[in-house]
Each structure stands twice: as structure tokens, then as C-alpha cells.
Amino acid sequence: MDKKLCIASMAVAGVMLVVFLLDLILGFPFGGSGPFVWIDIIGMICSVVLLYMAFHAWREVR
């Protein structure tokens, strides 16, 4: 159960990172321009932090 939760958290963090990166580069899916660039940057930072925490929790559970 714990391993599956960690893997699911890593998957969610990866999807969030890809979505925010696509929005920052291509303007898709949210049309990121103007002040929304900061939201993309903060979202990517949060995604990386979540990925880091989930990975280290997964390593402890193994």
C-alpha cells in the first residue's frame, strides 16, 4: 500500500511538471502569459518538491 501511494505521488508530480512546463513553453493548456508565468514557475517548483519527497519516501519504504 505504501509503495503504491509513493508511486502514485510520483506520477502525479510528473504529470503536474509536464503540464506546467507545456504551459510555460507552448501556452497550452492554460494559455500561460502575463502574470500566469509566475504560476507556472511556482507550480513547477512545487511539482519538483513533491517528486523529491515521494521518491525519498519510496526509498525508505523499500
PDB file of N, CA and C in Angstrom:
ATOM      1  N   MET A   1       0.824  -1.192   0.000  1.00  0.00           N
ATOM      2  CA  MET A   1       0.000   0.000   0.000  1.00  0.00           C
ATOM      3  C   MET A   1       0.866   1.253   0.000  1.00  0.00           C
ATOM      4  N   ASP A   2       1.910   1.259   0.846  1.00  0.00           N
ATOM      5  CA  ASP A   2       2.760   2.438   0.928  1.00  0.00           C
ATOM      6  C   ASP A   2       3.540   2.668  -0.359  1.00  0.00           C
ATOM      7  N   LYS A   3       4.013   1.579  -0.964  1.00  0.00           N
ATOM      8  CA  LYS A   3       4.751   1.714  -2.218  1.00  0.00           C
ATOM      9  C   LYS A   3       3.855   2.270  -3.316  1.00  0.00           C
ATOM     10  N   LYS A   4       2.628   1.774  -3.370  1.00  0.00           N
ATOM     11  CA  LYS A   4       1.695   2.237  -4.398  1.00  0.00           C
ATOM     12  C   LYS A   4       1.367   3.713  -4.220  1.00  0.00           C
ATOM     13  N   LEU A   5       1.241   4.154  -2.989  1.00  0.00           N
ATOM     14  CA  LEU A   5       0.954   5.561  -2.715  1.00  0.00           C
ATOM     15  C   LEU A   5       2.132   6.441  -3.123  1.00  0.00           C
ATOM     16  N   CYS A   6       3.334   5.987  -2.858  1.00  0.00           N
ATOM     17  CA  CYS A   6       4.524   6.741  -3.257  1.00  0.00           C
ATOM     18  C   CYS A   6       4.641   6.815  -4.776  1.00  0.00           C
ATOM     19  N   ILE A   7       4.382   5.704  -5.447  1.00  0.00           N
ATOM     20  CA  ILE A   7       4.457   5.689  -6.909  1.00  0.00           C
ATOM     21  C   ILE A   7       3.368   6.572  -7.514  1.00  0.00           C
ATOM     22  N   ALA A   8       2.183   6.545  -6.935  1.00  0.00           N
ATOM     23  CA  ALA A   8       1.106   7.410  -7.418  1.00  0.00           C
ATOM     24  C   ALA A   8       1.461   8.880  -7.215  1.00  0.00           C
ATOM     25  N   SER A   9       2.087   9.200  -6.098  1.00  0.00           N
ATOM     26  CA  SER A   9       2.509  10.582  -5.849  1.00  0.00           C
ATOM     27  C   SER A   9       3.565  11.024  -6.851  1.00  0.00           C
ATOM     28  N   MET A  10       4.487  10.124  -7.186  1.00  0.00           N
ATOM     29  CA  MET A  10       5.494  10.461  -8.190  1.00  0.00           C
ATOM     30  C   MET A  10       4.854  10.661  -9.563  1.00  0.00           C
ATOM     31  N   ALA A  11       3.853   9.855  -9.879  1.00  0.00           N
ATOM     32  CA  ALA A  11       3.162  10.002 -11.165  1.00  0.00           C
ATOM     33  C   ALA A  11       2.420  11.331 -11.242  1.00  0.00           C
ATOM     34  N   VAL A  12       1.741  11.692 -10.165  1.00  0.00           N
ATOM     35  CA  VAL A  12       1.017  12.970 -10.133  1.00  0.00           C
ATOM     36  C   VAL A  12       1.994  14.132 -10.260  1.00  0.00           C
ATOM     37  N   ALA A  13       3.118  14.057  -9.554  1.00  0.00           N
ATOM     38  CA  ALA A  13       4.121  15.118  -9.635  1.00  0.00           C
ATOM     39  C   ALA A  13       4.683  15.228 -11.051  1.00  0.00           C
ATOM     40  N   GLY A  14       4.905  14.096 -11.702  1.00  0.00           N
ATOM     41  CA  GLY A  14       5.405  14.117 -13.071  1.00  0.00           C
ATOM     42  C   GLY A  14       4.415  14.730 -14.045  1.00  0.00           C
ATOM     43  N   VAL A  15       3.154  14.383 -13.893  1.00  0.00           N
ATOM     44  CA  VAL A  15       2.116  14.952 -14.764  1.00  0.00           C
ATOM     45  C   VAL A  15       1.998  16.454 -14.535  1.00  0.00           C
ATOM     46  N   MET A  16       2.018  16.871 -13.271  1.00  0.00           N
ATOM     47  CA  MET A  16       1.956  18.304 -12.967  1.00  0.00           C
ATOM     48  C   MET A  16       3.140  19.046 -13.579  1.00  0.00           C
ATOM     49  N   LEU A  17       4.322  18.458 -13.474  1.00  0.00           N
ATOM     50  CA  LEU A  17       5.518  19.094 -14.016  1.00  0.00           C
ATOM     51  C   LEU A  17       5.418  19.247 -15.531  1.00  0.00           C
ATOM     52  N   VAL A  18       4.952  18.217 -16.209  1.00  0.00           N
ATOM     53  CA  VAL A  18       4.811  18.279 -17.666  1.00  0.00           C
ATOM     54  C   VAL A  18       3.765  19.314 -18.070  1.00  0.00           C
ATOM     55  N   VAL A  19       2.649  19.360 -17.356  1.00  0.00           N
ATOM     56  CA  VAL A  19       1.586  20.316 -17.695  1.00  0.00           C
ATOM     57  C   VAL A  19       2.070  21.751 -17.511  1.00  0.00           C
ATOM     58  N   PHE A  20       2.723  22.039 -16.386  1.00  0.00           N
ATOM     59  CA  PHE A  20       3.210  23.400 -16.158  1.00  0.00           C
ATOM     60  C   PHE A  20       4.320  23.766 -17.134  1.00  0.00           C
ATOM     61  N   LEU A  21       5.163  22.813 -17.492  1.00  0.00           N
ATOM     62  CA  LEU A  21       6.226  23.083 -18.454  1.00  0.00           C
ATOM     63  C   LEU A  21       5.651  23.346 -19.846  1.00  0.00           C
ATOM     64  N   LEU A  22       4.661  22.559 -20.253  1.00  0.00           N
ATOM     65  CA  LEU A  22       3.999  22.802 -21.544  1.00  0.00           C
ATOM     66  C   LEU A  22       3.330  24.167 -21.573  1.00  0.00           C
ATOM     67  N   ASP A  23       2.708  24.543 -20.468  1.00  0.00           N
ATOM     68  CA  ASP A  23       2.042  25.836 -20.413  1.00  0.00           C
ATOM     69  C   ASP A  23       3.054  26.969 -20.492  1.00  0.00           C
ATOM     70  N   LEU A  24       4.195  26.792 -19.864  1.00  0.00           N
ATOM     71  CA  LEU A  24       5.218  27.836 -19.890  1.00  0.00           C
ATOM     72  C   LEU A  24       5.829  27.975 -21.279  1.00  0.00           C
ATOM     73  N   ILE A  25       6.071  26.856 -21.951  1.00  0.00           N
ATOM     74  CA  ILE A  25       6.751  26.899 -23.248  1.00  0.00           C
ATOM     75  C   ILE A  25       5.779  27.171 -24.398  1.00  0.00           C
ATOM     76  N   LEU A  26       4.667  26.420 -24.437  1.00  0.00           N
ATOM     77  CA  LEU A  26       3.761  26.497 -25.585  1.00  0.00           C
ATOM     78  C   LEU A  26       2.506  27.334 -25.348  1.00  0.00           C
ATOM     79  N   GLY A  27       2.210  27.646 -24.098  1.00  0.00           N
ATOM     80  CA  GLY A  27       0.964  28.353 -23.807  1.00  0.00           C
ATOM     81  C   GLY A  27      -0.241  27.441 -23.831  1.00  0.00           C
ATOM     82  N   PHE A  28       0.000  26.149 -23.780  1.00  0.00           N
ATOM     83  CA  PHE A  28      -1.072  25.154 -23.792  1.00  0.00           C
ATOM     84  C   PHE A  28      -0.958  24.334 -22.530  1.00  0.00           C
ATOM     85  N   PRO A  29      -1.918  24.023 -21.787  1.00  0.00           N
ATOM     86  CA  PRO A  29      -3.359  24.070 -21.941  1.00  0.00           C
ATOM     87  C   PRO A  29      -4.018  25.288 -21.301  1.00  0.00           C
ATOM     88  N   PHE A  30      -3.280  26.080 -20.520  1.00  0.00           N
ATOM     89  CA  PHE A  30      -3.914  27.181 -19.797  1.00  0.00           C
ATOM     90  C   PHE A  30      -3.710  28.536 -20.454  1.00  0.00           C
ATOM     91  N   GLY A  31      -2.921  28.612 -21.504  1.00  0.00           N
ATOM     92  CA  GLY A  31      -2.661  29.888 -22.162  1.00  0.00           C
ATOM     93  C   GLY A  31      -1.804  30.793 -21.301  1.00  0.00           C
ATOM     94  N   GLY A  32      -0.719  30.243 -20.778  1.00  0.00           N
ATOM     95  CA  GLY A  32       0.111  30.963 -19.820  1.00  0.00           C
ATOM     96  C   GLY A  32       0.824  32.158 -20.413  1.00  0.00           C
ATOM     97  N   SER A  33       0.349  33.335 -20.074  1.00  0.00           N
ATOM     98  CA  SER A  33       1.023  34.562 -20.472  1.00  0.00           C
ATOM     99  C   SER A  33       0.786  35.601 -19.388  1.00  0.00           C
ATOM    100  N   GLY A  34       1.623  36.602 -19.374  1.00  0.00           N
ATOM    101  CA  GLY A  34       1.483  37.658 -18.378  1.00  0.00           C
ATOM    102  C   GLY A  34       1.798  37.163 -16.982  1.00  0.00           C
ATOM    103  N   PRO A  35       0.905  37.447 -16.039  1.00  0.00           N
ATOM    104  CA  PRO A  35       1.182  37.055 -14.643  1.00  0.00           C
ATOM    105  C   PRO A  35       1.114  35.546 -14.414  1.00  0.00           C
ATOM    106  N   PHE A  36       0.547  34.806 -15.346  1.00  0.00           N
ATOM    107  CA  PHE A  36       0.417  33.360 -15.177  1.00  0.00           C
ATOM    108  C   PHE A  36       1.746  32.630 -15.348  1.00  0.00           C
ATOM    109  N   VAL A  37       2.764  33.331 -15.844  1.00  0.00           N
ATOM    110  CA  VAL A  37       4.093  32.736 -15.943  1.00  0.00           C
ATOM    111  C   VAL A  37       4.599  32.400 -14.547  1.00  0.00           C
ATOM    112  N   TRP A  38       4.329  33.270 -13.586  1.00  0.00           N
ATOM    113  CA  TRP A  38       4.754  33.013 -12.205  1.00  0.00           C
ATOM    114  C   TRP A  38       4.042  31.803 -11.629  1.00  0.00           C
ATOM    115  N   ILE A  39       2.791  31.628 -11.979  1.00  0.00           N
ATOM    116  CA  ILE A  39       2.049  30.455 -11.508  1.00  0.00           C
ATOM    117  C   ILE A  39       2.671  29.184 -12.079  1.00  0.00           C
ATOM    118  N   ASP A  40       3.084  29.231 -13.341  1.00  0.00           N
ATOM    119  CA  ASP A  40       3.748  28.072 -13.948  1.00  0.00           C
ATOM    120  C   ASP A  40       5.065  27.757 -13.248  1.00  0.00           C
ATOM    121  N   ILE A  41       5.841  28.791 -12.958  1.00  0.00           N
ATOM    122  CA  ILE A  41       7.133  28.582 -12.299  1.00  0.00           C
ATOM    123  C   ILE A  41       6.943  28.023 -10.899  1.00  0.00           C
ATOM    124  N   ILE A  42       6.023  28.593 -10.137  1.00  0.00           N
ATOM    125  CA  ILE A  42       5.755  28.105  -8.780  1.00  0.00           C
ATOM    126  C   ILE A  42       5.185  26.690  -8.831  1.00  0.00           C
ATOM    127  N   GLY A  43       4.332  26.406  -9.801  1.00  0.00           N
ATOM    128  CA  GLY A  43       3.788  25.061  -9.960  1.00  0.00           C
ATOM    129  C   GLY A  43       4.864  24.039 -10.271  1.00  0.00           C
ATOM    130  N   MET A  44       5.833  24.427 -11.103  1.00  0.00           N
ATOM    131  CA  MET A  44       6.932  23.509 -11.408  1.00  0.00           C
ATOM    132  C   MET A  44       7.805  23.269 -10.181  1.00  0.00           C
ATOM    133  N   ILE A  45       8.052  24.308  -9.400  1.00  0.00           N
ATOM    134  CA  ILE A  45       8.839  24.140  -8.176  1.00  0.00           C
ATOM    135  C   ILE A  45       8.121  23.205  -7.213  1.00  0.00           C
ATOM    136  N   CYS A  46       6.817  23.394  -7.049  1.00  0.00           N
ATOM    137  CA  CYS A  46       6.039  22.513  -6.164  1.00  0.00           C
ATOM    138  C   CYS A  46       6.035  21.074  -6.680  1.00  0.00           C
ATOM    139  N   SER A  47       5.970  20.903  -7.980  1.00  0.00           N
ATOM    140  CA  SER A  47       5.998  19.559  -8.561  1.00  0.00           C
ATOM    141  C   SER A  47       7.322  18.863  -8.293  1.00  0.00           C
ATOM    142  N   VAL A  48       8.406  19.603  -8.432  1.00  0.00           N
ATOM    143  CA  VAL A  48       9.725  19.020  -8.180  1.00  0.00           C
ATOM    144  C   VAL A  48       9.873  18.656  -6.702  1.00  0.00           C
ATOM    145  N   VAL A  49       9.371  19.514  -5.813  1.00  0.00           N
ATOM    146  CA  VAL A  49       9.436  19.217  -4.376  1.00  0.00           C
ATOM    147  C   VAL A  49       8.616  17.966  -4.057  1.00  0.00           C
ATOM    148  N   LEU A  50       7.422  17.859  -4.627  1.00  0.00           N
ATOM    149  CA  LEU A  50       6.592  16.676  -4.404  1.00  0.00           C
ATOM    150  C   LEU A  50       7.266  15.419  -4.948  1.00  0.00           C
ATOM    151  N   LEU A  51       7.868  15.522  -6.120  1.00  0.00           N
ATOM    152  CA  LEU A  51       8.581  14.385  -6.698  1.00  0.00           C
ATOM    153  C   LEU A  51       9.752  13.966  -5.813  1.00  0.00           C
ATOM    154  N   TYR A  52      10.484  14.927  -5.298  1.00  0.00           N
ATOM    155  CA  TYR A  52      11.613  14.643  -4.406  1.00  0.00           C
ATOM    156  C   TYR A  52      11.143  13.946  -3.131  1.00  0.00           C
ATOM    157  N   MET A  53      10.096  14.472  -2.520  1.00  0.00           N
ATOM    158  CA  MET A  53       9.596  13.889  -1.272  1.00  0.00           C
ATOM    159  C   MET A  53       9.037  12.491  -1.498  1.00  0.00           C
ATOM    160  N   ALA A  54       8.308  12.288  -2.585  1.00  0.00           N
ATOM    161  CA  ALA A  54       7.740  10.971  -2.875  1.00  0.00           C
ATOM    162  C   ALA A  54       8.839   9.956  -3.178  1.00  0.00           C
ATOM    163  N   PHE A  55       9.875  10.384  -3.885  1.00  0.00           N
ATOM    164  CA  PHE A  55      10.974   9.474  -4.204  1.00  0.00           C
ATOM    165  C   PHE A  55      11.709   9.033  -2.940  1.00  0.00           C
ATOM    166  N   HIS A  56      11.961   9.977  -2.051  1.00  0.00           N
ATOM    167  CA  HIS A  56      12.670   9.610  -0.821  1.00  0.00           C
ATOM    168  C   HIS A  56      11.798   8.773   0.111  1.00  0.00           C
ATOM    169  N   ALA A  57      10.512   9.023   0.130  1.00  0.00           N
ATOM    170  CA  ALA A  57       9.614   8.173   0.917  1.00  0.00           C
ATOM    171  C   ALA A  57       9.574   6.765   0.330  1.00  0.00           C
ATOM    172  N   TRP A  58       9.584   6.658  -1.001  1.00  0.00           N
ATOM    173  CA  TRP A  58       9.592   5.350  -1.663  1.00  0.00           C
ATOM    174  C   TRP A  58      10.870   4.584  -1.347  1.00  0.00           C
ATOM    175  N   ARG A  59      11.997   5.299  -1.307  1.00  0.00           N
ATOM    176  CA  ARG A  59      13.266   4.641  -0.964  1.00  0.00           C
ATOM    177  C   ARG A  59      13.269   4.139   0.473  1.00  0.00           C
ATOM    178  N   GLU A  60      12.615   4.854   1.378  1.00  0.00           N
ATOM    179  CA  GLU A  60      12.551   4.406   2.773  1.00  0.00           C
ATOM    180  C   GLU A  60      11.651   3.190   2.929  1.00  0.00           C
ATOM    181  N   VAL A  61      10.589   3.115   2.144  1.00  0.00           N
ATOM    182  CA  VAL A  61       9.642   2.004   2.244  1.00  0.00           C
ATOM    183  C   VAL A  61      10.252   0.727   1.679  1.00  0.00           C
ATOM    184  N   ARG A  62      11.067   0.849   0.625  1.00  0.00           N
ATOM    185  CA  ARG A  62      11.679  -0.328   0.007  1.00  0.00           C
ATOM    186  C   ARG A  62      12.428  -1.048   1.036  1.00  0.00           C
TER     187      ARG A  62
END
